[in-house]
Amino acid sequence: MNYRTFGRTGWEVSDISFGAWAIGGSWGDVDDEVSMATLNRALDLGVNFFDTADVYGDGRSERLLARLRRERSEHFYIVTKAGRRLDPHVADGYNRDNLTSFVERSLRNLESDCLDLVQLHCPPPEVYYSPEVFEALDDLVQAGKIKYYGVSVEKVEEALKAIEYPHVMSVQLIFNMFRLRPTELFFTEALRRNTAILARVPLASGMLTGKMTAKTTFAADDHRNFNRYGQAFDRGETFSGVDFDTGLQAVAELQSLVPVGSTLAQTALRWILMYDAVSTIIPGAKTLQQVEDNCAASDLPAFSDKQMAQVQAVYDSLIREQVHQRW
């Protein structure tokens, strides 16, 4: 495992980390004991950074991570998110009282006195133009409830606005072979401000594993079934907003990049690590095999200029028109 500095926090974090949405729910059936074995294996492999949210399984994911912290002696970081508990999910809900309540709930779930880092969980765009929201987060830092805060965003424009606030330490955004827009301006600005970047949905909801076909089906409680067209939340969260058949076509063209003995998923993760602006990648995992495969990507050889150009060409010819101006 390799490590990178997490922005201005100074943390040294594993470049392949652990996204804990899948062990909370919305990805088909999960078993808590299998999840715990997977989390333990991640630690064994050098992972020291775990990303979760209060809504993943209504706190289930946070509670599993609290158990991991109880049962292991190693130091690791747990970062969570707040805001999606709002119903309706509107900008006015991101107020001091609600944010404090969400943080207090996560503190209980994580059995902690202070959260390592809290991220606003893809709030409505208006929130980024509301200084009072970030002032409330500053006060939570001063109160010792959270060490740092950041944002998880849907759009590059939101990321650029968020880092104008001086105490936004990190930005989490979708970045993968189907989402290249962050490289055009945002990465430059994040590096200039020394803002940490968490690359989420790195495998485009599993599309970039190369294991899906036109006949692949998903469980009723899997967001790849119920949110394929944005019915439940932002469409960009599912297959990165790419049409399923188009995604399959792009994957077929990307297969030639896979080194002997590796997988497309590992190759897709290693491609992300070609960008120095990325602090860590947070692929999900529900099984031992998945976490082992994810972590192996950290030590794959670098891409050549020709291979990087090939990814760009697939994006330009098949993907760009569907996603570039939307997110």
Protein backbone atom coordinates (compact mmCIF):
# COMPACT_ATOMS: atom_id res chain seq x y z
CA MET A 1 0.00 0.00 0.00
CA ASN A 2 1.15 3.52 -0.80
CA TYR A 3 0.21 6.68 1.08
CA ARG A 4 -0.47 10.30 0.22
CA THR A 5 -0.79 13.47 2.27
CA PHE A 6 -4.41 14.42 2.84
CA GLY A 7 -4.28 18.12 2.04
CA ARG A 8 -3.73 20.60 4.85
CA THR A 9 -4.64 18.09 7.55
CA GLY A 10 -1.20 16.53 7.26
CA TRP A 11 -2.70 13.04 7.53
CA GLU A 12 -0.89 10.31 5.63
CA VAL A 13 -3.65 8.17 4.15
CA SER A 14 -3.71 5.03 2.05
CA ASP A 15 -4.13 5.89 -1.62
CA ILE A 16 -6.66 3.07 -1.87
CA SER A 17 -9.14 3.51 0.95
CA PHE A 18 -12.53 2.03 1.80
CA GLY A 19 -15.92 3.36 0.77
CA ALA A 20 -18.49 2.06 3.23
CA TRP A 21 -21.74 2.74 1.38
CA ALA A 22 -22.04 -0.86 0.23
CA ILE A 23 -21.82 -2.34 3.74
CA GLY A 24 -24.61 -0.04 4.86
CA GLY A 25 -27.06 -0.92 2.14
CA SER A 26 -28.46 0.05 -1.29
CA TRP A 27 -26.14 -2.43 -3.02
CA GLY A 28 -28.11 -5.62 -2.56
CA ASP A 29 -27.86 -8.00 0.39
CA VAL A 30 -25.14 -7.45 2.98
CA ASP A 31 -24.17 -9.50 6.02
CA ASP A 32 -22.63 -7.69 8.99
CA GLU A 33 -20.19 -10.46 9.83
CA VAL A 34 -18.97 -10.60 6.23
CA SER A 35 -18.69 -6.82 6.33
CA MET A 36 -16.61 -6.95 9.51
CA ALA A 37 -14.29 -9.54 7.99
CA THR A 38 -13.91 -7.28 4.96
CA LEU A 39 -13.15 -4.23 7.12
CA ASN A 40 -10.57 -6.17 9.10
CA ARG A 41 -8.94 -7.38 5.91
CA ALA A 42 -8.73 -3.80 4.66
CA LEU A 43 -6.79 -2.83 7.78
CA ASP A 44 -4.50 -5.85 7.35
CA LEU A 45 -3.71 -4.64 3.83
CA GLY A 46 -2.75 -1.15 4.98
CA VAL A 47 -5.98 0.78 4.51
CA ASN A 48 -6.20 3.52 7.13
CA PHE A 49 -9.01 5.69 5.77
CA PHE A 50 -12.71 4.78 5.75
CA ASP A 51 -15.47 6.91 4.22
CA THR A 52 -19.03 6.54 5.42
CA ALA A 53 -22.22 8.57 5.93
CA ASP A 54 -25.00 8.77 8.47
CA VAL A 55 -27.56 7.59 5.91
CA TYR A 56 -25.72 4.45 4.80
CA GLY A 57 -28.06 1.87 6.24
CA ASP A 58 -29.47 4.56 8.58
CA GLY A 59 -26.26 4.48 10.61
CA ARG A 60 -25.46 0.81 10.06
CA SER A 61 -22.21 1.56 8.27
CA GLU A 62 -21.06 3.99 10.97
CA ARG A 63 -21.82 1.45 13.70
CA LEU A 64 -19.80 -1.24 11.92
CA LEU A 65 -16.83 1.12 11.78
CA ALA A 66 -17.23 1.89 15.48
CA ARG A 67 -17.04 -1.84 16.13
CA LEU A 68 -13.89 -2.05 14.01
CA ARG A 69 -12.31 0.68 16.10
CA ARG A 70 -13.24 -1.17 19.30
CA GLU A 71 -11.80 -4.45 18.09
CA ARG A 72 -8.54 -3.24 16.52
CA SER A 73 -5.63 -1.34 18.01
CA GLU A 74 -4.38 0.34 14.83
CA HIS A 75 -5.03 4.02 14.27
CA PHE A 76 -7.20 4.82 11.27
CA TYR A 77 -9.39 7.67 10.07
CA ILE A 78 -13.17 7.54 9.76
CA VAL A 79 -14.77 10.34 7.76
CA THR A 80 -18.52 10.66 7.55
CA LYS A 81 -21.13 12.86 5.89
CA ALA A 82 -24.17 14.83 6.98
CA GLY A 83 -27.21 16.34 5.34
CA ARG A 84 -29.00 13.61 3.43
CA ARG A 85 -31.17 12.81 6.42
CA LEU A 86 -33.15 15.91 5.50
CA ASP A 87 -36.60 15.17 4.09
CA PRO A 88 -37.18 17.11 1.98
CA HIS A 89 -33.53 17.57 1.09
CA VAL A 90 -33.52 21.36 0.71
CA ALA A 91 -30.94 24.08 1.26
CA ASP A 92 -32.78 25.59 4.24
CA GLY A 93 -32.28 22.32 6.09
CA TYR A 94 -28.54 22.91 6.23
CA ASN A 95 -28.83 25.09 9.30
CA ARG A 96 -26.96 25.17 12.58
CA ASP A 97 -29.50 23.14 14.54
CA ASN A 98 -29.78 20.36 11.99
CA LEU A 99 -26.06 20.11 11.36
CA THR A 100 -25.41 19.92 15.09
CA SER A 101 -28.04 17.21 15.43
CA PHE A 102 -26.55 15.19 12.57
CA VAL A 103 -23.05 15.46 14.04
CA GLU A 104 -24.28 14.40 17.48
CA ARG A 105 -25.96 11.35 15.97
CA SER A 106 -22.79 10.35 14.11
CA LEU A 107 -20.78 10.79 17.31
CA ARG A 108 -23.09 8.29 18.99
CA ASN A 109 -22.99 5.86 16.06
CA LEU A 110 -19.20 6.05 15.89
CA GLU A 111 -18.81 5.98 19.68
CA SER A 112 -16.56 9.00 19.53
CA ASP A 113 -16.15 12.36 21.24
CA CYS A 114 -14.87 14.05 18.08
CA LEU A 115 -15.32 13.19 14.40
CA ASP A 116 -12.19 13.13 12.24
CA LEU A 117 -13.86 14.86 9.32
CA VAL A 118 -17.46 15.63 8.36
CA GLN A 119 -18.50 16.27 4.77
CA LEU A 120 -21.66 18.00 3.64
CA HIS A 121 -23.40 15.23 1.72
CA CYS A 122 -24.06 16.54 -1.78
CA PRO A 123 -26.19 19.48 -0.64
CA PRO A 124 -28.33 21.58 -3.00
CA PRO A 125 -26.29 24.15 -4.96
CA GLU A 126 -27.60 27.06 -2.89
CA VAL A 127 -25.74 25.76 0.17
CA TYR A 128 -22.38 26.63 -1.39
CA TYR A 129 -23.49 30.26 -1.49
CA SER A 130 -24.52 30.32 2.18
CA PRO A 131 -21.58 31.42 4.37
CA GLU A 132 -23.63 30.77 7.50
CA VAL A 133 -23.51 27.03 6.79
CA PHE A 134 -19.73 27.03 6.88
CA GLU A 135 -19.73 29.30 9.93
CA ALA A 136 -21.83 26.66 11.72
CA LEU A 137 -19.24 24.05 10.79
CA ASP A 138 -16.47 26.33 12.08
CA ASP A 139 -18.31 26.50 15.39
CA LEU A 140 -18.56 22.71 15.55
CA VAL A 141 -14.79 22.58 15.11
CA GLN A 142 -14.35 25.14 17.88
CA ALA A 143 -16.66 23.12 20.11
CA GLY A 144 -14.47 20.04 19.64
CA LYS A 145 -17.19 18.02 17.93
CA ILE A 146 -15.30 17.69 14.63
CA LYS A 147 -11.63 18.09 13.74
CA TYR A 148 -12.11 19.11 10.12
CA TYR A 149 -14.82 19.47 7.53
CA GLY A 150 -15.21 19.18 3.79
CA VAL A 151 -17.84 18.66 1.12
CA SER A 152 -19.07 15.92 -1.14
CA VAL A 153 -20.31 17.38 -4.40
CA GLU A 154 -22.20 16.41 -7.52
CA LYS A 155 -20.76 19.05 -9.86
CA VAL A 156 -17.34 20.54 -10.54
CA GLU A 157 -18.82 24.02 -10.19
CA GLU A 158 -19.87 23.19 -6.63
CA ALA A 159 -16.37 21.97 -5.83
CA LEU A 160 -14.82 25.19 -7.12
CA LYS A 161 -17.21 27.29 -5.05
CA ALA A 162 -16.69 25.20 -1.91
CA ILE A 163 -12.93 25.62 -1.83
CA GLU A 164 -13.35 29.38 -1.67
CA TYR A 165 -14.23 28.84 2.01
CA PRO A 166 -10.90 28.84 3.87
CA HIS A 167 -11.60 25.92 6.20
CA VAL A 168 -12.92 23.44 3.62
CA MET A 169 -10.21 20.82 3.94
CA SER A 170 -11.45 18.28 1.42
CA VAL A 171 -13.68 17.74 -1.58
CA GLN A 172 -15.17 14.40 -2.49
CA LEU A 173 -16.35 14.07 -6.07
CA ILE A 174 -16.98 11.46 -8.72
CA PHE A 175 -13.79 10.86 -10.67
CA ASN A 176 -13.18 7.89 -12.91
CA MET A 177 -12.56 6.95 -16.54
CA PHE A 178 -16.11 8.12 -17.30
CA ARG A 179 -15.72 11.49 -15.54
CA LEU A 180 -12.74 13.50 -16.77
CA ARG A 181 -14.00 17.04 -16.30
CA PRO A 182 -12.35 17.54 -12.86
CA THR A 183 -8.94 17.40 -14.53
CA GLU A 184 -9.57 20.54 -16.57
CA LEU A 185 -9.61 23.21 -13.84
CA PHE A 186 -10.61 21.85 -10.46
CA PHE A 187 -7.52 19.71 -9.86
CA THR A 188 -5.28 22.71 -10.55
CA GLU A 189 -7.19 24.86 -8.08
CA ALA A 190 -7.28 22.13 -5.42
CA LEU A 191 -3.52 21.64 -5.68
CA ARG A 192 -2.97 25.40 -5.43
CA ARG A 193 -5.01 25.53 -2.22
CA ASN A 194 -3.70 22.19 -0.91
CA THR A 195 -7.22 20.83 -0.65
CA ALA A 196 -7.57 17.05 -0.27
CA ILE A 197 -9.54 15.19 -2.94
CA LEU A 198 -11.45 11.97 -2.39
CA ALA A 199 -12.24 10.18 -5.66
CA ARG A 200 -15.61 8.51 -5.22
CA VAL A 201 -17.56 6.13 -7.46
CA PRO A 202 -14.17 5.18 -8.97
CA LEU A 203 -15.57 2.13 -10.75
CA ALA A 204 -18.73 3.82 -12.05
CA SER A 205 -21.03 1.72 -9.81
CA GLY A 206 -19.25 -1.45 -10.89
CA MET A 207 -19.43 -0.78 -14.62
CA LEU A 208 -15.63 -0.40 -14.75
CA THR A 209 -15.12 -3.84 -13.25
CA GLY A 210 -15.82 -5.23 -16.70
CA LYS A 211 -18.06 -7.89 -15.20
CA MET A 212 -21.40 -6.56 -16.44
CA THR A 213 -23.20 -7.54 -19.61
CA ALA A 214 -26.43 -6.54 -21.32
CA LYS A 215 -28.13 -9.32 -19.33
CA THR A 216 -26.90 -8.20 -15.90
CA THR A 217 -29.73 -7.56 -13.42
CA PHE A 218 -29.76 -5.96 -9.98
CA ALA A 219 -31.76 -6.50 -6.82
CA ALA A 220 -34.80 -4.34 -6.13
CA ASP A 221 -32.96 -2.55 -3.29
CA ASP A 222 -29.85 -1.91 -5.40
CA HIS A 223 -29.57 1.70 -6.60
CA ARG A 224 -28.32 0.41 -9.96
CA ASN A 225 -31.89 -0.80 -10.40
CA PHE A 226 -33.99 1.90 -8.73
CA ASN A 227 -31.89 4.98 -9.60
CA ARG A 228 -30.63 4.23 -13.09
CA TYR A 229 -32.40 7.28 -14.47
CA GLY A 230 -32.17 9.44 -11.36
CA GLN A 231 -35.50 8.41 -9.86
CA ALA A 232 -34.27 8.45 -6.23
CA PHE A 233 -31.26 10.81 -6.23
CA ASP A 234 -28.84 12.39 -8.69
CA ARG A 235 -28.49 10.26 -11.80
CA GLY A 236 -24.75 10.84 -11.81
CA GLU A 237 -24.40 8.61 -8.75
CA THR A 238 -25.40 5.54 -10.76
CA PHE A 239 -22.99 4.41 -13.49
CA SER A 240 -21.61 7.98 -13.28
CA GLY A 241 -24.61 9.12 -15.30
CA VAL A 242 -23.62 7.08 -18.34
CA ASP A 243 -26.23 5.11 -20.25
CA PHE A 244 -25.82 1.41 -19.43
CA ASP A 245 -25.34 0.23 -23.02
CA THR A 246 -22.89 3.06 -23.74
CA GLY A 247 -20.95 2.12 -20.63
CA LEU A 248 -20.66 -1.47 -21.82
CA GLN A 249 -19.33 -0.28 -25.17
CA ALA A 250 -16.72 1.93 -23.49
CA VAL A 251 -15.65 -0.90 -21.20
CA ALA A 252 -15.11 -3.16 -24.19
CA GLU A 253 -12.71 -0.59 -25.65
CA LEU A 254 -10.87 -0.11 -22.35
CA GLN A 255 -10.16 -3.82 -21.87
CA SER A 256 -6.99 -3.61 -23.96
CA LEU A 257 -5.39 -1.50 -21.21
CA VAL A 258 -5.50 -4.29 -18.63
CA PRO A 259 -2.05 -5.75 -17.83
CA VAL A 260 -1.64 -9.52 -17.77
CA GLY A 261 -2.67 -10.82 -14.37
CA SER A 262 -4.74 -7.75 -13.48
CA THR A 263 -8.38 -6.77 -13.86
CA LEU A 264 -10.14 -3.82 -15.45
CA ALA A 265 -11.23 -2.67 -11.98
CA GLN A 266 -7.63 -2.54 -10.77
CA THR A 267 -6.59 -0.79 -13.96
CA ALA A 268 -9.35 1.82 -13.52
CA LEU A 269 -8.20 2.50 -9.96
CA ARG A 270 -4.56 2.79 -10.99
CA TRP A 271 -5.53 5.27 -13.69
CA ILE A 272 -7.00 7.56 -11.03
CA LEU A 273 -3.72 7.45 -9.11
CA MET A 274 -1.95 8.94 -12.12
CA TYR A 275 -3.34 12.28 -10.91
CA ASP A 276 -1.32 13.80 -8.07
CA ALA A 277 -4.26 15.98 -7.04
CA VAL A 278 -6.12 12.88 -5.81
CA SER A 279 -5.43 12.22 -2.13
CA THR A 280 -7.22 8.88 -1.94
CA ILE A 281 -9.70 6.68 -3.78
CA ILE A 282 -12.67 5.23 -1.90
CA PRO A 283 -13.89 2.13 -3.77
CA GLY A 284 -16.58 0.14 -2.04
CA ALA A 285 -16.20 -3.46 -0.98
CA LYS A 286 -18.55 -6.05 0.50
CA THR A 287 -16.27 -9.09 0.41
CA LEU A 288 -12.71 -10.11 1.16
CA GLN A 289 -12.00 -10.66 -2.52
CA GLN A 290 -13.22 -7.20 -3.45
CA VAL A 291 -11.08 -5.41 -0.88
CA GLU A 292 -8.03 -7.48 -1.79
CA ASP A 293 -8.51 -6.70 -5.47
CA ASN A 294 -8.96 -2.98 -4.75
CA CYS A 295 -5.84 -2.73 -2.63
CA ALA A 296 -3.70 -4.51 -5.21
CA ALA A 297 -4.23 -1.57 -7.56
CA SER A 298 -1.94 0.59 -5.43
CA ASP A 299 1.14 -1.28 -6.69
CA LEU A 300 0.32 -1.61 -10.37
CA PRO A 301 2.73 0.03 -12.87
CA ALA A 302 2.05 3.55 -14.05
CA PHE A 303 0.19 4.26 -17.29
CA SER A 304 2.18 5.30 -20.34
CA ASP A 305 1.35 8.51 -22.21
CA LYS A 306 -0.13 6.36 -24.97
CA GLN A 307 -2.41 4.56 -22.53
CA MET A 308 -3.56 7.83 -20.96
CA ALA A 309 -4.39 9.10 -24.44
CA GLN A 310 -6.39 5.95 -25.12
CA VAL A 311 -8.59 6.56 -22.08
CA GLN A 312 -9.11 10.15 -23.21
CA ALA A 313 -10.08 8.97 -26.69
CA VAL A 314 -12.71 6.55 -25.35
CA TYR A 315 -14.11 9.33 -23.18
CA ASP A 316 -14.21 11.83 -26.03
CA SER A 317 -15.86 9.45 -28.50
CA LEU A 318 -18.41 7.73 -26.27
CA ILE A 319 -18.85 9.39 -22.89
CA ARG A 320 -18.22 13.13 -23.09
CA GLU A 321 -21.50 14.09 -24.74
CA GLN A 322 -23.55 12.36 -22.00
CA VAL A 323 -21.79 13.69 -18.90
CA HIS A 324 -19.29 16.49 -19.46
CA GLN A 325 -21.59 19.50 -19.24
CA ARG A 326 -23.90 17.96 -16.62
CA TRP A 327 -21.42 17.31 -13.83
